[in-house]
Amino acid sequence: MRRRFPLLALALLALALAPTAAAAVDLARGETLANRWCASCHLVSPTQTRATPDAPSFAAIARRPDAPPLETYLAVTHTRMPDMALTRDEITDLSAYIRASAP
């Protein structure tokens, strides 16, 4: 039972953060957030030329078939990433921008 709790918690978090049909995604705001928070490590656009070698590009992240939902991942603080403290709408927009990066 203890092993199921983290999975259940992640699933509930993903549902809570999932965009609703009424919520409009703002890719321009997602791009602005990516440039502000992510571009120092990740390649966030095809025109960017510098990034940290260990950080995957947004295009690579978007192509990962087995990755956890981006909304869930961005809502949790990670040791290798800054604590961005994004709102639900910002997480939705940034996730949509990342997904749109896949060629």
Protein backbone atom coordinates (compact mmCIF):
# COMPACT_ATOMS: atom_id res chain seq x y z
CA MET A 1 0.00 0.00 0.00
CA ARG A 2 2.84 2.42 0.79
CA ARG A 3 4.30 2.03 -2.70
CA ARG A 4 1.02 2.98 -4.32
CA PHE A 5 0.67 6.29 -2.47
CA PRO A 6 3.35 8.17 -4.47
CA LEU A 7 1.83 6.96 -7.74
CA LEU A 8 -1.65 7.92 -6.61
CA ALA A 9 -0.40 11.32 -5.47
CA LEU A 10 1.30 11.92 -8.84
CA ALA A 11 -1.83 10.86 -10.72
CA LEU A 12 -4.00 13.22 -8.66
CA LEU A 13 -1.52 16.05 -9.15
CA ALA A 14 -1.53 15.45 -12.91
CA LEU A 15 -5.32 15.58 -12.97
CA ALA A 16 -5.38 18.76 -10.91
CA LEU A 17 -2.86 20.43 -13.21
CA ALA A 18 -4.30 19.20 -16.49
CA PRO A 19 -5.68 22.03 -18.59
CA THR A 20 -9.43 22.13 -18.95
CA ALA A 21 -11.16 22.49 -22.29
CA ALA A 22 -12.10 26.06 -21.37
CA ALA A 23 -8.51 27.07 -20.60
CA ALA A 24 -6.77 28.63 -23.55
CA VAL A 25 -3.10 27.81 -23.98
CA ASP A 26 -0.81 30.78 -24.54
CA LEU A 27 2.25 29.55 -26.49
CA ALA A 28 3.75 33.05 -26.56
CA ARG A 29 3.71 33.16 -22.76
CA GLY A 30 5.17 29.64 -22.73
CA GLU A 31 8.01 30.86 -24.93
CA THR A 32 8.60 33.87 -22.67
CA LEU A 33 8.74 31.59 -19.62
CA ALA A 34 11.10 29.20 -21.43
CA ASN A 35 13.45 32.03 -22.31
CA ARG A 36 13.36 33.42 -18.78
CA TRP A 37 13.68 30.18 -16.78
CA CYS A 38 14.99 27.46 -19.07
CA ALA A 39 17.23 28.87 -21.82
CA SER A 40 20.33 29.12 -19.64
CA CYS A 41 20.47 25.29 -19.55
CA HIS A 42 18.12 23.91 -22.26
CA LEU A 43 17.86 24.63 -25.97
CA VAL A 44 14.36 26.07 -25.98
CA SER A 45 14.14 27.03 -29.66
CA PRO A 46 15.70 25.96 -32.96
CA THR A 47 17.58 29.26 -33.21
CA GLN A 48 19.27 29.00 -29.80
CA THR A 49 22.92 27.95 -30.08
CA ARG A 50 24.16 27.58 -26.48
CA ALA A 51 22.98 25.32 -23.67
CA THR A 52 24.33 23.08 -20.93
CA PRO A 53 25.51 19.78 -22.49
CA ASP A 54 23.73 17.66 -19.84
CA ALA A 55 20.33 19.34 -20.26
CA PRO A 56 18.09 17.90 -22.99
CA SER A 57 16.66 20.25 -25.59
CA PHE A 58 12.95 21.02 -25.49
CA ALA A 59 12.59 19.08 -28.75
CA ALA A 60 14.18 16.00 -27.12
CA ILE A 61 11.95 16.36 -24.06
CA ALA A 62 8.84 16.63 -26.25
CA ARG A 63 9.78 13.44 -28.13
CA ARG A 64 10.14 11.28 -24.98
CA PRO A 65 7.30 8.76 -25.12
CA ASP A 66 7.81 7.43 -21.57
CA ALA A 67 8.32 10.73 -19.75
CA PRO A 68 6.02 11.76 -16.92
CA PRO A 69 3.44 14.41 -17.79
CA LEU A 70 5.19 17.75 -18.15
CA GLU A 71 2.59 19.49 -15.98
CA THR A 72 3.38 17.14 -13.10
CA TYR A 73 7.12 17.41 -13.59
CA LEU A 74 7.11 21.23 -13.68
CA ALA A 75 4.93 21.46 -10.56
CA VAL A 76 7.53 19.70 -8.39
CA THR A 77 10.79 21.28 -7.25
CA HIS A 78 13.91 19.54 -8.60
CA THR A 79 17.46 19.72 -7.33
CA ARG A 80 18.95 20.35 -10.77
CA MET A 81 16.47 23.05 -11.75
CA PRO A 82 15.62 26.39 -10.15
CA ASP A 83 12.45 26.61 -8.07
CA MET A 84 10.36 28.51 -10.59
CA ALA A 85 7.16 28.59 -8.48
CA LEU A 86 5.01 28.68 -11.61
CA THR A 87 1.24 29.10 -11.49
CA ARG A 88 -1.03 26.43 -12.98
CA ASP A 89 -1.60 28.58 -16.07
CA GLU A 90 2.14 29.16 -16.51
CA ILE A 91 2.79 25.42 -16.18
CA THR A 92 0.12 24.77 -18.83
CA ASP A 93 1.62 27.34 -21.19
CA LEU A 94 5.22 26.20 -20.69
CA SER A 95 4.23 22.53 -21.13
CA ALA A 96 2.39 23.36 -24.35
CA TYR A 97 5.42 25.29 -25.63
CA ILE A 98 7.70 22.34 -24.85
CA ARG A 99 5.34 19.93 -26.64
CA ALA A 100 5.20 22.27 -29.64
CA SER A 101 9.03 22.11 -29.85
CA ALA A 102 9.02 18.57 -31.22
CA PRO A 103 9.71 18.55 -34.95
